[in-house]
Amino acid sequence: MEEFIKQIEAEFDDLKPGILKPESHFREVFEWNSINALILIAMVKTEYDVTLTADDLIKSKTVNDIYSLIETRISK
């Protein structure tokens, strides 16, 4: 989880390191828009070889929700 959060912080320049937590509602922590959604989807694909959809992001509320989804898809 720590590594996942560091990767997110590295992708988003306006996200100050240390602010993002597993229980953070990612849409409230930094400016959430379609570009940022695409950046997150691309980062997850590159780092974990997991495809997230827009629907996955809509259903996810917290950083932990996304992380859990990635873990589930990796283990398949």
C-alpha atoms as a PDB file:
ATOM      1  CA  MET A   1       0.000   0.000   0.000  1.00  0.00           C
ATOM      2  CA  GLU A   2       2.815   2.440   0.852  1.00  0.00           C
ATOM      3  CA  GLU A   3       4.456   1.888  -2.518  1.00  0.00           C
ATOM      4  CA  PHE A   4       1.113   2.352  -4.296  1.00  0.00           C
ATOM      5  CA  ILE A   5       0.555   5.671  -2.525  1.00  0.00           C
ATOM      6  CA  LYS A   6       4.084   6.830  -3.405  1.00  0.00           C
ATOM      7  CA  GLN A   7       3.428   5.996  -7.051  1.00  0.00           C
ATOM      8  CA  ILE A   8       0.219   8.045  -7.019  1.00  0.00           C
ATOM      9  CA  GLU A   9       2.008  10.966  -5.347  1.00  0.00           C
ATOM     10  CA  ALA A  10       4.739  10.810  -8.004  1.00  0.00           C
ATOM     11  CA  GLU A  11       2.175  10.956 -10.830  1.00  0.00           C
ATOM     12  CA  PHE A  12       0.316  14.027  -9.574  1.00  0.00           C
ATOM     13  CA  ASP A  13       2.376  17.191  -9.149  1.00  0.00           C
ATOM     14  CA  ASP A  14      -0.274  18.997  -7.095  1.00  0.00           C
ATOM     15  CA  LEU A  15      -0.423  16.172  -4.538  1.00  0.00           C
ATOM     16  CA  LYS A  16       1.830  16.829  -1.550  1.00  0.00           C
ATOM     17  CA  PRO A  17       3.688  13.736  -0.282  1.00  0.00           C
ATOM     18  CA  GLY A  18       2.309  12.335   2.953  1.00  0.00           C
ATOM     19  CA  ILE A  19      -1.242  13.645   2.544  1.00  0.00           C
ATOM     20  CA  LEU A  20      -2.685  10.598   0.790  1.00  0.00           C
ATOM     21  CA  LYS A  21      -3.710   7.753   3.117  1.00  0.00           C
ATOM     22  CA  PRO A  22      -5.451   4.399   2.424  1.00  0.00           C
ATOM     23  CA  GLU A  23      -8.720   5.821   3.759  1.00  0.00           C
ATOM     24  CA  SER A  24      -8.422   9.068   1.764  1.00  0.00           C
ATOM     25  CA  HIS A  25     -11.236   9.844  -0.648  1.00  0.00           C
ATOM     26  CA  PHE A  26      -9.020  10.431  -3.654  1.00  0.00           C
ATOM     27  CA  ARG A  27     -11.486  12.752  -5.408  1.00  0.00           C
ATOM     28  CA  GLU A  28     -11.350  15.117  -2.413  1.00  0.00           C
ATOM     29  CA  VAL A  29      -7.582  15.094  -1.882  1.00  0.00           C
ATOM     30  CA  PHE A  30      -6.622  16.539  -5.252  1.00  0.00           C
ATOM     31  CA  GLU A  31      -8.373  18.025  -8.255  1.00  0.00           C
ATOM     32  CA  TRP A  32     -10.237  15.130  -9.822  1.00  0.00           C
ATOM     33  CA  ASN A  33     -11.039  15.338 -13.518  1.00  0.00           C
ATOM     34  CA  SER A  34     -10.998  13.119 -16.583  1.00  0.00           C
ATOM     35  CA  ILE A  35      -7.308  13.788 -17.259  1.00  0.00           C
ATOM     36  CA  ASN A  36      -6.360  12.688 -13.742  1.00  0.00           C
ATOM     37  CA  ALA A  37      -8.546   9.607 -14.123  1.00  0.00           C
ATOM     38  CA  LEU A  38      -6.645   8.690 -17.298  1.00  0.00           C
ATOM     39  CA  ILE A  39      -3.310   9.284 -15.563  1.00  0.00           C
ATOM     40  CA  LEU A  40      -4.311   6.941 -12.738  1.00  0.00           C
ATOM     41  CA  ILE A  41      -5.593   4.296 -15.166  1.00  0.00           C
ATOM     42  CA  ALA A  42      -2.332   4.490 -17.157  1.00  0.00           C
ATOM     43  CA  MET A  43      -0.172   4.305 -14.019  1.00  0.00           C
ATOM     44  CA  VAL A  44      -1.996   1.192 -12.770  1.00  0.00           C
ATOM     45  CA  LYS A  45      -1.677  -0.458 -16.203  1.00  0.00           C
ATOM     46  CA  THR A  46       2.031   0.327 -16.425  1.00  0.00           C
ATOM     47  CA  GLU A  47       2.991  -0.578 -12.859  1.00  0.00           C
ATOM     48  CA  TYR A  48       0.664  -3.522 -12.202  1.00  0.00           C
ATOM     49  CA  ASP A  49      -0.501  -4.654 -15.651  1.00  0.00           C
ATOM     50  CA  VAL A  50      -4.076  -4.249 -14.425  1.00  0.00           C
ATOM     51  CA  THR A  51      -6.749  -2.519 -16.470  1.00  0.00           C
ATOM     52  CA  LEU A  52      -9.037  -0.182 -14.579  1.00  0.00           C
ATOM     53  CA  THR A  53     -12.137   1.214 -16.231  1.00  0.00           C
ATOM     54  CA  ALA A  54     -13.900   4.499 -15.696  1.00  0.00           C
ATOM     55  CA  ASP A  55     -16.652   2.494 -14.013  1.00  0.00           C
ATOM     56  CA  ASP A  56     -14.091   1.050 -11.573  1.00  0.00           C
ATOM     57  CA  LEU A  57     -13.062   4.568 -10.601  1.00  0.00           C
ATOM     58  CA  ILE A  58     -16.659   5.724 -10.267  1.00  0.00           C
ATOM     59  CA  LYS A  59     -17.408   2.856  -7.877  1.00  0.00           C
ATOM     60  CA  SER A  60     -14.216   3.399  -5.864  1.00  0.00           C
ATOM     61  CA  LYS A  61     -14.265   5.978  -3.116  1.00  0.00           C
ATOM     62  CA  THR A  62     -10.934   5.591  -1.328  1.00  0.00           C
ATOM     63  CA  VAL A  63      -7.354   4.821  -2.223  1.00  0.00           C
ATOM     64  CA  ASN A  64      -7.824   1.492  -0.470  1.00  0.00           C
ATOM     65  CA  ASP A  65     -10.788   0.668  -2.742  1.00  0.00           C
ATOM     66  CA  ILE A  66      -8.579   1.042  -5.808  1.00  0.00           C
ATOM     67  CA  TYR A  67      -5.728  -0.872  -4.189  1.00  0.00           C
ATOM     68  CA  SER A  68      -8.055  -3.749  -3.269  1.00  0.00           C
ATOM     69  CA  LEU A  69      -9.386  -3.867  -6.813  1.00  0.00           C
ATOM     70  CA  ILE A  70      -5.843  -4.072  -8.186  1.00  0.00           C
ATOM     71  CA  GLU A  71      -4.929  -6.835  -5.713  1.00  0.00           C
ATOM     72  CA  THR A  72      -8.004  -8.821  -6.713  1.00  0.00           C
ATOM     73  CA  ARG A  73      -7.152  -8.584 -10.411  1.00  0.00           C
ATOM     74  CA  ILE A  74      -3.478  -9.427  -9.892  1.00  0.00           C
ATOM     75  CA  SER A  75      -4.329 -12.608  -8.015  1.00  0.00           C
ATOM     76  CA  LYS A  76      -6.564 -13.936 -10.815  1.00  0.00           C
END
